[in-house]
Amino acid sequence: MLSRSAPGVSAFIDKLTNSIELAATGESFVTILTRLTSTQRRQLKKKDWLFNWPRELDTEQRQVYKLTTVAEPALIQGLISLEVDTDHVFVYLVESAVFNKGAQKQYLGVAGNLFAWACRLSFEQGYEGFVAFEAKTALLTHYQQALGAQRMGRGLRMYLATNAATKLVTRYFPDHSTS
C-alpha cells in the first residue's frame, strides 16, 4: 500500500475555517474545486508558485485541482495534486497561492480546504476518507495538531483516517455525506 515516493507536502494549515476567510475581515467566501486541465496551464505563472505544477499536470495518474471562490472563479487560491489509488487517495502536493502565504496572506483556510477535498474524494471512492501524504519534517507535529493526521511508522509518511477526514469534510463540505 503507499510505496511511492513523494516530494513532500509543505502547506501550512493556518486555520481551519468553514470555507476560506478574508484575513483582514474574517468574511467567509464560498469555494469551488475544479480539475485543472493541461490546457489551463497558462493560468499558472511560474513566479506565483513554489512547485512545478505543469509537471504535475503532465504526470499521467495525478489529478490537479484548483481552489477558487464563487466571487472570483478566475483567481486560483490554491492547488492540490493527488492520485486516487486502489484503497486511498495520495496527496503529492498542496500549495496556497503566493498571496495566501506569509504574514500578509489575503485568505485563511486554503490548505485546510484542499485537504478536505482529498478526504471527500476518498469517501466518494469508498475509501472511508483515508488520505496519505509525505510531510516535510518541520510540519509533522503541525499536521497532527491541525488536521488530526497520524504518522505511519518513523518516516515522514502521514495519513488522515476516517475520524479526521470526517471532521474536515463536515467542516468544508457540510452538504456532503461521508457515509
N, C-alpha and C. Protein backbone atom coordinates (compact mmCIF):
# COMPACT_ATOMS: atom_id res chain seq x y z
N MET A 1 0.84 -1.18 0.00
CA MET A 1 0.00 0.00 0.00
C MET A 1 0.89 1.25 0.00
N LEU A 2 0.89 2.34 -0.29
CA LEU A 2 1.74 3.52 -0.06
C LEU A 2 3.23 3.30 -0.29
N SER A 3 3.61 2.78 -1.42
CA SER A 3 5.02 2.52 -1.65
C SER A 3 5.70 3.61 -2.47
N ARG A 4 4.96 4.50 -3.02
CA ARG A 4 5.56 5.51 -3.89
C ARG A 4 6.28 6.59 -3.10
N SER A 5 7.21 7.24 -3.73
CA SER A 5 7.89 8.36 -3.08
C SER A 5 7.21 9.64 -3.50
N ALA A 6 7.32 10.64 -2.69
CA ALA A 6 6.68 11.93 -2.98
C ALA A 6 7.61 13.05 -2.56
N PRO A 7 7.54 14.19 -3.24
CA PRO A 7 8.42 15.30 -2.92
C PRO A 7 8.07 15.97 -1.61
N GLY A 8 6.92 15.74 -1.08
CA GLY A 8 6.58 16.28 0.23
C GLY A 8 5.55 17.38 0.16
N VAL A 9 4.61 17.35 1.07
CA VAL A 9 3.59 18.37 1.18
C VAL A 9 4.10 19.42 2.15
N SER A 10 4.05 20.67 1.75
CA SER A 10 4.58 21.70 2.63
C SER A 10 3.60 22.82 2.91
N ALA A 11 2.33 22.60 2.73
CA ALA A 11 1.35 23.64 3.02
C ALA A 11 1.18 23.77 4.52
N PHE A 12 1.20 24.97 5.00
CA PHE A 12 0.98 25.26 6.40
C PHE A 12 -0.52 25.47 6.59
N ILE A 13 -1.11 24.76 7.51
CA ILE A 13 -2.53 24.91 7.79
C ILE A 13 -2.67 26.09 8.73
N ASP A 14 -3.02 27.25 8.19
CA ASP A 14 -3.07 28.46 9.00
C ASP A 14 -4.26 28.46 9.96
N LYS A 15 -5.39 27.98 9.47
CA LYS A 15 -6.61 27.98 10.28
C LYS A 15 -7.63 27.10 9.58
N LEU A 16 -8.33 26.29 10.34
CA LEU A 16 -9.44 25.55 9.75
C LEU A 16 -10.66 26.46 9.81
N THR A 17 -11.21 26.72 8.65
CA THR A 17 -12.36 27.61 8.53
C THR A 17 -13.52 26.78 8.00
N ASN A 18 -14.63 27.41 7.69
CA ASN A 18 -15.74 26.70 7.08
C ASN A 18 -15.73 26.86 5.57
N SER A 19 -14.82 27.62 5.08
CA SER A 19 -14.62 27.86 3.65
C SER A 19 -13.24 28.48 3.55
N ILE A 20 -13.11 29.65 2.96
CA ILE A 20 -11.91 30.44 3.15
C ILE A 20 -12.36 31.80 3.65
N GLU A 21 -11.50 32.44 4.44
CA GLU A 21 -11.84 33.72 5.05
C GLU A 21 -10.87 34.79 4.61
N LEU A 22 -11.38 35.96 4.37
CA LEU A 22 -10.55 37.12 4.11
C LEU A 22 -9.83 37.44 5.41
N ALA A 23 -8.52 37.39 5.42
CA ALA A 23 -7.75 37.55 6.66
C ALA A 23 -8.03 38.88 7.35
N ALA A 24 -8.21 39.94 6.59
CA ALA A 24 -8.40 41.27 7.15
C ALA A 24 -9.73 41.44 7.88
N THR A 25 -10.77 40.74 7.42
CA THR A 25 -12.11 40.97 7.97
C THR A 25 -12.78 39.75 8.57
N GLY A 26 -12.31 38.55 8.22
CA GLY A 26 -12.96 37.33 8.67
C GLY A 26 -14.16 36.95 7.81
N GLU A 27 -14.43 37.74 6.76
CA GLU A 27 -15.54 37.43 5.86
C GLU A 27 -15.28 36.09 5.15
N SER A 28 -16.29 35.26 5.09
CA SER A 28 -16.17 33.92 4.51
C SER A 28 -16.64 33.93 3.05
N PHE A 29 -15.97 33.14 2.21
CA PHE A 29 -16.30 33.06 0.79
C PHE A 29 -16.56 31.61 0.41
N VAL A 30 -17.57 31.40 -0.39
CA VAL A 30 -17.89 30.07 -0.89
C VAL A 30 -16.84 29.67 -1.93
N THR A 31 -16.34 28.45 -1.81
CA THR A 31 -15.28 28.00 -2.71
C THR A 31 -15.78 26.96 -3.69
N ILE A 32 -15.00 26.81 -4.77
CA ILE A 32 -15.26 25.82 -5.80
C ILE A 32 -13.94 25.10 -6.06
N LEU A 33 -13.98 23.78 -6.12
CA LEU A 33 -12.81 23.00 -6.51
C LEU A 33 -13.11 22.35 -7.85
N THR A 34 -12.24 22.63 -8.83
CA THR A 34 -12.41 22.05 -10.16
C THR A 34 -11.08 21.51 -10.63
N ARG A 35 -11.18 20.53 -11.48
CA ARG A 35 -9.98 19.91 -12.03
C ARG A 35 -9.29 20.90 -12.97
N LEU A 36 -7.99 21.06 -12.79
CA LEU A 36 -7.18 21.90 -13.67
C LEU A 36 -6.71 21.03 -14.82
N THR A 37 -6.94 21.48 -16.02
CA THR A 37 -6.57 20.69 -17.19
C THR A 37 -5.26 21.21 -17.78
N SER A 38 -4.66 20.40 -18.61
CA SER A 38 -3.41 20.79 -19.27
C SER A 38 -3.59 22.06 -20.09
N THR A 39 -4.76 22.24 -20.67
CA THR A 39 -4.98 23.44 -21.48
C THR A 39 -5.08 24.70 -20.64
N GLN A 40 -5.30 24.55 -19.33
CA GLN A 40 -5.39 25.71 -18.44
C GLN A 40 -4.05 26.07 -17.79
N ARG A 41 -3.01 25.40 -18.18
CA ARG A 41 -1.70 25.64 -17.55
C ARG A 41 -1.23 27.08 -17.69
N ARG A 42 -1.74 27.79 -18.68
CA ARG A 42 -1.36 29.20 -18.86
C ARG A 42 -1.80 30.06 -17.68
N GLN A 43 -2.77 29.59 -16.92
CA GLN A 43 -3.22 30.33 -15.73
C GLN A 43 -2.17 30.34 -14.63
N LEU A 44 -1.19 29.44 -14.73
CA LEU A 44 -0.19 29.30 -13.69
C LEU A 44 1.08 30.04 -14.08
N LYS A 45 1.36 31.12 -13.39
CA LYS A 45 2.59 31.87 -13.61
C LYS A 45 3.67 31.30 -12.69
N LYS A 46 4.81 30.95 -13.26
CA LYS A 46 5.89 30.30 -12.50
C LYS A 46 6.28 31.10 -11.25
N LYS A 47 6.29 32.41 -11.35
CA LYS A 47 6.69 33.26 -10.22
C LYS A 47 5.71 33.19 -9.04
N ASP A 48 4.49 32.72 -9.30
CA ASP A 48 3.46 32.68 -8.26
C ASP A 48 3.39 31.37 -7.49
N TRP A 49 4.18 30.35 -7.92
CA TRP A 49 4.08 29.03 -7.31
C TRP A 49 5.46 28.47 -7.01
N LEU A 50 5.59 27.84 -5.87
CA LEU A 50 6.83 27.19 -5.47
C LEU A 50 7.05 25.89 -6.24
N PHE A 51 5.98 25.10 -6.39
CA PHE A 51 6.09 23.79 -7.02
C PHE A 51 5.91 23.87 -8.53
N ASN A 52 6.36 22.82 -9.21
CA ASN A 52 6.27 22.73 -10.67
C ASN A 52 4.92 22.11 -11.04
N TRP A 53 3.89 22.92 -11.11
CA TRP A 53 2.54 22.44 -11.37
C TRP A 53 2.35 21.92 -12.79
N PRO A 54 2.99 22.51 -13.81
CA PRO A 54 2.87 21.91 -15.14
C PRO A 54 3.35 20.45 -15.17
N ARG A 55 4.40 20.14 -14.41
CA ARG A 55 4.87 18.75 -14.34
C ARG A 55 3.81 17.86 -13.70
N GLU A 56 3.13 18.37 -12.69
CA GLU A 56 2.06 17.60 -12.05
C GLU A 56 0.94 17.33 -13.06
N LEU A 57 0.62 18.31 -13.86
CA LEU A 57 -0.42 18.14 -14.88
C LEU A 57 -0.02 17.09 -15.92
N ASP A 58 1.28 16.99 -16.17
CA ASP A 58 1.78 16.04 -17.18
C ASP A 58 1.97 14.63 -16.64
N THR A 59 1.88 14.44 -15.32
CA THR A 59 2.06 13.11 -14.73
C THR A 59 0.74 12.36 -14.85
N GLU A 60 0.77 11.27 -15.55
CA GLU A 60 -0.44 10.58 -16.02
C GLU A 60 -1.48 10.28 -14.95
N GLN A 61 -1.12 9.66 -13.84
CA GLN A 61 -2.11 9.24 -12.85
C GLN A 61 -2.57 10.36 -11.92
N ARG A 62 -1.89 11.49 -11.94
CA ARG A 62 -2.21 12.56 -10.99
C ARG A 62 -3.32 13.46 -11.51
N GLN A 63 -4.08 13.94 -10.56
CA GLN A 63 -5.13 14.91 -10.83
C GLN A 63 -4.78 16.18 -10.09
N VAL A 64 -4.89 17.31 -10.76
CA VAL A 64 -4.62 18.61 -10.14
C VAL A 64 -5.95 19.36 -10.07
N TYR A 65 -6.27 19.84 -8.87
CA TYR A 65 -7.48 20.62 -8.65
C TYR A 65 -7.11 22.02 -8.22
N LYS A 66 -7.91 22.98 -8.65
CA LYS A 66 -7.71 24.37 -8.26
C LYS A 66 -8.86 24.80 -7.36
N LEU A 67 -8.52 25.60 -6.36
CA LEU A 67 -9.49 26.15 -5.44
C LEU A 67 -9.72 27.60 -5.84
N THR A 68 -10.96 27.96 -6.10
CA THR A 68 -11.33 29.34 -6.41
C THR A 68 -12.54 29.70 -5.56
N THR A 69 -12.94 30.93 -5.63
CA THR A 69 -14.17 31.34 -4.94
C THR A 69 -15.25 31.57 -5.99
N VAL A 70 -16.50 31.50 -5.55
CA VAL A 70 -17.62 31.78 -6.45
C VAL A 70 -17.51 33.23 -6.93
N ALA A 71 -17.08 34.12 -6.03
CA ALA A 71 -16.98 35.54 -6.37
C ALA A 71 -15.88 35.83 -7.40
N GLU A 72 -14.79 35.07 -7.37
CA GLU A 72 -13.67 35.28 -8.29
C GLU A 72 -13.20 33.93 -8.86
N PRO A 73 -13.97 33.34 -9.77
CA PRO A 73 -13.65 32.00 -10.27
C PRO A 73 -12.38 31.92 -11.11
N ALA A 74 -11.85 33.04 -11.57
CA ALA A 74 -10.63 33.01 -12.38
C ALA A 74 -9.37 33.13 -11.52
N LEU A 75 -9.52 33.48 -10.26
CA LEU A 75 -8.36 33.67 -9.37
C LEU A 75 -8.13 32.41 -8.55
N ILE A 76 -7.02 31.73 -8.80
CA ILE A 76 -6.70 30.48 -8.11
C ILE A 76 -6.15 30.79 -6.72
N GLN A 77 -6.82 30.24 -5.70
CA GLN A 77 -6.42 30.44 -4.31
C GLN A 77 -5.41 29.40 -3.85
N GLY A 78 -5.47 28.20 -4.44
CA GLY A 78 -4.57 27.13 -4.07
C GLY A 78 -4.73 25.96 -5.02
N LEU A 79 -3.76 25.04 -4.96
CA LEU A 79 -3.74 23.87 -5.84
C LEU A 79 -3.42 22.62 -5.03
N ILE A 80 -3.93 21.49 -5.51
CA ILE A 80 -3.61 20.20 -4.91
C ILE A 80 -3.40 19.18 -6.03
N SER A 81 -2.36 18.37 -5.88
CA SER A 81 -2.09 17.27 -6.81
C SER A 81 -2.26 15.98 -6.04
N LEU A 82 -3.06 15.07 -6.59
CA LEU A 82 -3.33 13.83 -5.89
C LEU A 82 -3.54 12.69 -6.87
N GLU A 83 -3.55 11.51 -6.32
CA GLU A 83 -3.83 10.31 -7.10
C GLU A 83 -4.82 9.45 -6.34
N VAL A 84 -5.84 9.00 -7.04
CA VAL A 84 -6.79 8.06 -6.44
C VAL A 84 -6.22 6.68 -6.67
N ASP A 85 -5.82 6.02 -5.59
CA ASP A 85 -5.20 4.70 -5.65
C ASP A 85 -6.27 3.64 -5.42
N THR A 86 -5.84 2.42 -5.21
CA THR A 86 -6.80 1.31 -5.06
C THR A 86 -7.52 1.30 -3.72
N ASP A 87 -6.97 1.94 -2.68
CA ASP A 87 -7.62 1.92 -1.38
C ASP A 87 -7.47 3.22 -0.60
N HIS A 88 -6.97 4.27 -1.23
CA HIS A 88 -6.79 5.55 -0.56
C HIS A 88 -6.53 6.63 -1.62
N VAL A 89 -6.51 7.85 -1.17
CA VAL A 89 -6.10 8.98 -2.01
C VAL A 89 -4.73 9.41 -1.49
N PHE A 90 -3.79 9.58 -2.43
CA PHE A 90 -2.45 10.02 -2.05
C PHE A 90 -2.26 11.46 -2.53
N VAL A 91 -1.91 12.35 -1.61
CA VAL A 91 -1.67 13.75 -1.94
C VAL A 91 -0.18 13.94 -2.17
N TYR A 92 0.15 14.43 -3.36
CA TYR A 92 1.56 14.70 -3.70
C TYR A 92 1.96 16.12 -3.33
N LEU A 93 1.14 17.08 -3.68
CA LEU A 93 1.46 18.48 -3.42
C LEU A 93 0.21 19.24 -3.02
N VAL A 94 0.40 20.19 -2.12
CA VAL A 94 -0.63 21.15 -1.75
C VAL A 94 0.08 22.49 -1.65
N GLU A 95 -0.52 23.51 -2.27
CA GLU A 95 0.12 24.83 -2.20
C GLU A 95 -0.93 25.93 -2.26
N SER A 96 -0.76 26.90 -1.38
CA SER A 96 -1.57 28.11 -1.43
C SER A 96 -0.93 29.07 -2.41
N ALA A 97 -1.75 29.90 -3.05
CA ALA A 97 -1.24 30.92 -3.96
C ALA A 97 -0.31 31.86 -3.19
N VAL A 98 0.59 32.49 -3.89
CA VAL A 98 1.61 33.34 -3.27
C VAL A 98 0.98 34.42 -2.38
N PHE A 99 -0.16 34.94 -2.75
CA PHE A 99 -0.82 35.99 -1.94
C PHE A 99 -1.52 35.42 -0.71
N ASN A 100 -1.52 34.10 -0.56
CA ASN A 100 -2.10 33.46 0.61
C ASN A 100 -1.03 32.84 1.51
N LYS A 101 0.20 33.34 1.41
CA LYS A 101 1.30 32.84 2.22
C LYS A 101 1.88 33.98 3.05
N GLY A 102 2.48 33.61 4.18
CA GLY A 102 3.19 34.58 4.99
C GLY A 102 2.28 35.45 5.84
N ALA A 103 2.88 36.41 6.49
CA ALA A 103 2.17 37.27 7.44
C ALA A 103 1.11 38.14 6.77
N GLN A 104 1.29 38.47 5.51
CA GLN A 104 0.35 39.34 4.81
C GLN A 104 -0.65 38.57 3.94
N LYS A 105 -0.86 37.29 4.24
CA LYS A 105 -1.76 36.48 3.40
C LYS A 105 -3.13 37.11 3.32
N GLN A 106 -3.73 36.94 2.15
CA GLN A 106 -5.04 37.51 1.89
C GLN A 106 -6.16 36.65 2.47
N TYR A 107 -6.07 35.32 2.27
CA TYR A 107 -7.12 34.41 2.73
C TYR A 107 -6.56 33.35 3.67
N LEU A 108 -7.39 32.95 4.62
CA LEU A 108 -7.08 31.87 5.55
C LEU A 108 -7.92 30.65 5.17
N GLY A 109 -7.43 29.46 5.47
CA GLY A 109 -8.22 28.25 5.29
C GLY A 109 -8.02 27.54 3.96
N VAL A 110 -7.09 28.02 3.14
CA VAL A 110 -6.90 27.43 1.81
C VAL A 110 -6.41 25.99 1.91
N ALA A 111 -5.33 25.75 2.64
CA ALA A 111 -4.77 24.40 2.73
C ALA A 111 -5.75 23.43 3.38
N GLY A 112 -6.46 23.86 4.42
CA GLY A 112 -7.46 23.01 5.05
C GLY A 112 -8.55 22.62 4.06
N ASN A 113 -8.95 23.56 3.24
CA ASN A 113 -9.96 23.30 2.22
C ASN A 113 -9.48 22.26 1.22
N LEU A 114 -8.22 22.36 0.82
CA LEU A 114 -7.65 21.42 -0.15
C LEU A 114 -7.53 20.01 0.43
N PHE A 115 -7.10 19.89 1.67
CA PHE A 115 -7.03 18.58 2.31
C PHE A 115 -8.44 18.00 2.48
N ALA A 116 -9.41 18.84 2.81
CA ALA A 116 -10.80 18.38 2.93
C ALA A 116 -11.29 17.82 1.59
N TRP A 117 -10.87 18.44 0.50
CA TRP A 117 -11.25 17.95 -0.83
C TRP A 117 -10.70 16.54 -1.07
N ALA A 118 -9.45 16.32 -0.70
CA ALA A 118 -8.85 14.99 -0.86
C ALA A 118 -9.63 13.96 -0.04
N CYS A 119 -10.01 14.34 1.17
CA CYS A 119 -10.80 13.43 2.01
C CYS A 119 -12.16 13.15 1.39
N ARG A 120 -12.77 14.18 0.85
CA ARG A 120 -14.07 13.99 0.19
C ARG A 120 -13.96 13.01 -0.97
N LEU A 121 -12.92 13.17 -1.78
CA LEU A 121 -12.71 12.24 -2.90
C LEU A 121 -12.54 10.82 -2.39
N SER A 122 -11.82 10.66 -1.29
CA SER A 122 -11.61 9.35 -0.71
C SER A 122 -12.95 8.73 -0.29
N PHE A 123 -13.80 9.51 0.35
CA PHE A 123 -15.12 8.99 0.72
C PHE A 123 -15.92 8.61 -0.52
N GLU A 124 -15.86 9.44 -1.55
CA GLU A 124 -16.61 9.17 -2.78
C GLU A 124 -16.13 7.89 -3.47
N GLN A 125 -14.87 7.53 -3.28
CA GLN A 125 -14.32 6.31 -3.87
C GLN A 125 -14.60 5.07 -3.00
N GLY A 126 -15.18 5.29 -1.82
CA GLY A 126 -15.45 4.18 -0.91
C GLY A 126 -14.26 3.83 -0.04
N TYR A 127 -13.31 4.76 0.13
CA TYR A 127 -12.08 4.51 0.89
C TYR A 127 -12.15 5.04 2.33
N GLU A 128 -13.35 5.34 2.79
CA GLU A 128 -13.58 5.76 4.18
C GLU A 128 -12.79 7.00 4.57
N GLY A 129 -12.48 7.87 3.61
CA GLY A 129 -11.79 9.11 3.91
C GLY A 129 -10.28 9.00 4.02
N PHE A 130 -9.73 7.81 3.83
CA PHE A 130 -8.29 7.60 4.02
C PHE A 130 -7.48 8.38 2.99
N VAL A 131 -6.61 9.25 3.49
CA VAL A 131 -5.73 10.08 2.66
C VAL A 131 -4.32 9.98 3.23
N ALA A 132 -3.36 9.76 2.36
CA ALA A 132 -1.95 9.70 2.79
C ALA A 132 -1.16 10.79 2.09
N PHE A 133 -0.06 11.17 2.71
CA PHE A 133 0.84 12.18 2.14
C PHE A 133 2.19 12.12 2.83
N GLU A 134 3.16 12.72 2.19
CA GLU A 134 4.51 12.79 2.74
C GLU A 134 4.71 14.23 3.23
N ALA A 135 4.98 14.39 4.51
CA ALA A 135 5.12 15.72 5.09
C ALA A 135 6.58 16.15 5.16
N LYS A 136 6.79 17.43 5.20
CA LYS A 136 8.12 17.96 5.50
C LYS A 136 8.36 17.75 7.00
N THR A 137 9.59 17.49 7.39
CA THR A 137 9.92 17.21 8.79
C THR A 137 9.39 18.28 9.73
N ALA A 138 9.55 19.53 9.36
CA ALA A 138 9.14 20.63 10.23
C ALA A 138 7.63 20.71 10.43
N LEU A 139 6.86 20.01 9.60
CA LEU A 139 5.40 20.12 9.68
C LEU A 139 4.71 18.90 10.26
N LEU A 140 5.48 17.89 10.68
CA LEU A 140 4.86 16.67 11.22
C LEU A 140 3.92 16.99 12.39
N THR A 141 4.41 17.67 13.39
CA THR A 141 3.60 17.98 14.56
C THR A 141 2.45 18.90 14.18
N HIS A 142 2.72 19.84 13.29
CA HIS A 142 1.68 20.76 12.85
C HIS A 142 0.50 20.01 12.21
N TYR A 143 0.77 19.06 11.34
CA TYR A 143 -0.30 18.29 10.70
C TYR A 143 -1.05 17.43 11.71
N GLN A 144 -0.34 16.92 12.71
CA GLN A 144 -1.02 16.15 13.75
C GLN A 144 -2.01 17.03 14.50
N GLN A 145 -1.56 18.23 14.86
CA GLN A 145 -2.41 19.13 15.64
C GLN A 145 -3.51 19.78 14.80
N ALA A 146 -3.17 20.24 13.60
CA ALA A 146 -4.13 20.98 12.79
C ALA A 146 -5.16 20.08 12.10
N LEU A 147 -4.72 18.93 11.60
CA LEU A 147 -5.60 18.08 10.81
C LEU A 147 -6.01 16.79 11.50
N GLY A 148 -5.31 16.43 12.56
CA GLY A 148 -5.55 15.12 13.17
C GLY A 148 -4.85 14.02 12.42
N ALA A 149 -3.82 14.38 11.64
CA ALA A 149 -3.06 13.39 10.87
C ALA A 149 -2.24 12.52 11.83
N GLN A 150 -1.95 11.32 11.37
CA GLN A 150 -1.13 10.38 12.16
C GLN A 150 0.08 9.98 11.34
N ARG A 151 1.16 9.70 12.03
CA ARG A 151 2.37 9.24 11.35
C ARG A 151 2.26 7.75 11.05
N MET A 152 2.84 7.39 9.92
CA MET A 152 2.88 6.00 9.51
C MET A 152 4.31 5.53 9.76
N GLY A 153 4.56 4.89 10.88
CA GLY A 153 5.91 4.46 11.21
C GLY A 153 6.78 5.64 11.64
N ARG A 154 8.08 5.52 11.38
CA ARG A 154 9.03 6.54 11.82
C ARG A 154 9.37 7.56 10.74
N GLY A 155 8.95 7.35 9.53
CA GLY A 155 9.30 8.25 8.43
C GLY A 155 8.43 9.50 8.40
N LEU A 156 8.34 10.08 7.24
CA LEU A 156 7.59 11.31 7.04
C LEU A 156 6.18 11.07 6.49
N ARG A 157 5.85 9.82 6.24
CA ARG A 157 4.54 9.48 5.71
C ARG A 157 3.49 9.69 6.79
N MET A 158 2.42 10.37 6.42
CA MET A 158 1.33 10.63 7.34
C MET A 158 0.02 10.23 6.66
N TYR A 159 -1.02 10.10 7.47
CA TYR A 159 -2.32 9.79 6.89
C TYR A 159 -3.43 10.41 7.72
N LEU A 160 -4.55 10.58 7.05
CA LEU A 160 -5.78 11.01 7.70
C LEU A 160 -6.71 9.81 7.67
N ALA A 161 -7.11 9.37 8.84
CA ALA A 161 -8.03 8.24 8.95
C ALA A 161 -9.47 8.77 8.93
N THR A 162 -10.42 7.88 8.99
CA THR A 162 -11.83 8.23 8.83
C THR A 162 -12.29 9.33 9.77
N ASN A 163 -11.92 9.27 11.03
CA ASN A 163 -12.36 10.28 12.00
C ASN A 163 -11.91 11.68 11.61
N ALA A 164 -10.62 11.84 11.35
CA ALA A 164 -10.07 13.15 10.98
C ALA A 164 -10.64 13.61 9.64
N ALA A 165 -10.78 12.68 8.69
CA ALA A 165 -11.32 13.01 7.37
C ALA A 165 -12.78 13.47 7.49
N THR A 166 -13.55 12.80 8.32
CA THR A 166 -14.95 13.17 8.51
C THR A 166 -15.06 14.59 9.04
N LYS A 167 -14.22 14.94 10.00
CA LYS A 167 -14.24 16.30 10.57
C LYS A 167 -13.94 17.35 9.49
N LEU A 168 -12.95 17.08 8.65
CA LEU A 168 -12.61 18.04 7.60
C LEU A 168 -13.72 18.18 6.57
N VAL A 169 -14.25 17.06 6.11
CA VAL A 169 -15.30 17.10 5.10
C VAL A 169 -16.54 17.78 5.65
N THR A 170 -16.90 17.47 6.88
CA THR A 170 -18.08 18.08 7.51
C THR A 170 -17.90 19.59 7.64
N ARG A 171 -16.70 20.03 7.95
CA ARG A 171 -16.42 21.46 8.11
C ARG A 171 -16.50 22.20 6.77
N TYR A 172 -15.85 21.68 5.76
CA TYR A 172 -15.74 22.39 4.48
C TYR A 172 -16.83 22.05 3.47
N PHE A 173 -17.44 20.89 3.61
CA PHE A 173 -18.48 20.45 2.68
C PHE A 173 -19.66 19.91 3.49
N PRO A 174 -20.36 20.76 4.23
CA PRO A 174 -21.40 20.30 5.14
C PRO A 174 -22.56 19.58 4.46
N ASP A 175 -22.76 19.81 3.17
CA ASP A 175 -23.85 19.15 2.45
C ASP A 175 -23.46 17.79 1.89
N HIS A 176 -22.20 17.41 2.07
CA HIS A 176 -21.70 16.15 1.52
C HIS A 176 -21.73 15.08 2.60
N SER A 177 -22.27 13.92 2.26
CA SER A 177 -22.34 12.81 3.20
C SER A 177 -21.03 12.04 3.19
N THR A 178 -20.53 11.67 4.35
CA THR A 178 -19.32 10.86 4.45
C THR A 178 -19.63 9.39 4.65
N SER A 179 -20.91 9.03 4.63
CA SER A 179 -21.25 7.62 4.84
C SER A 179 -21.60 6.93 3.56
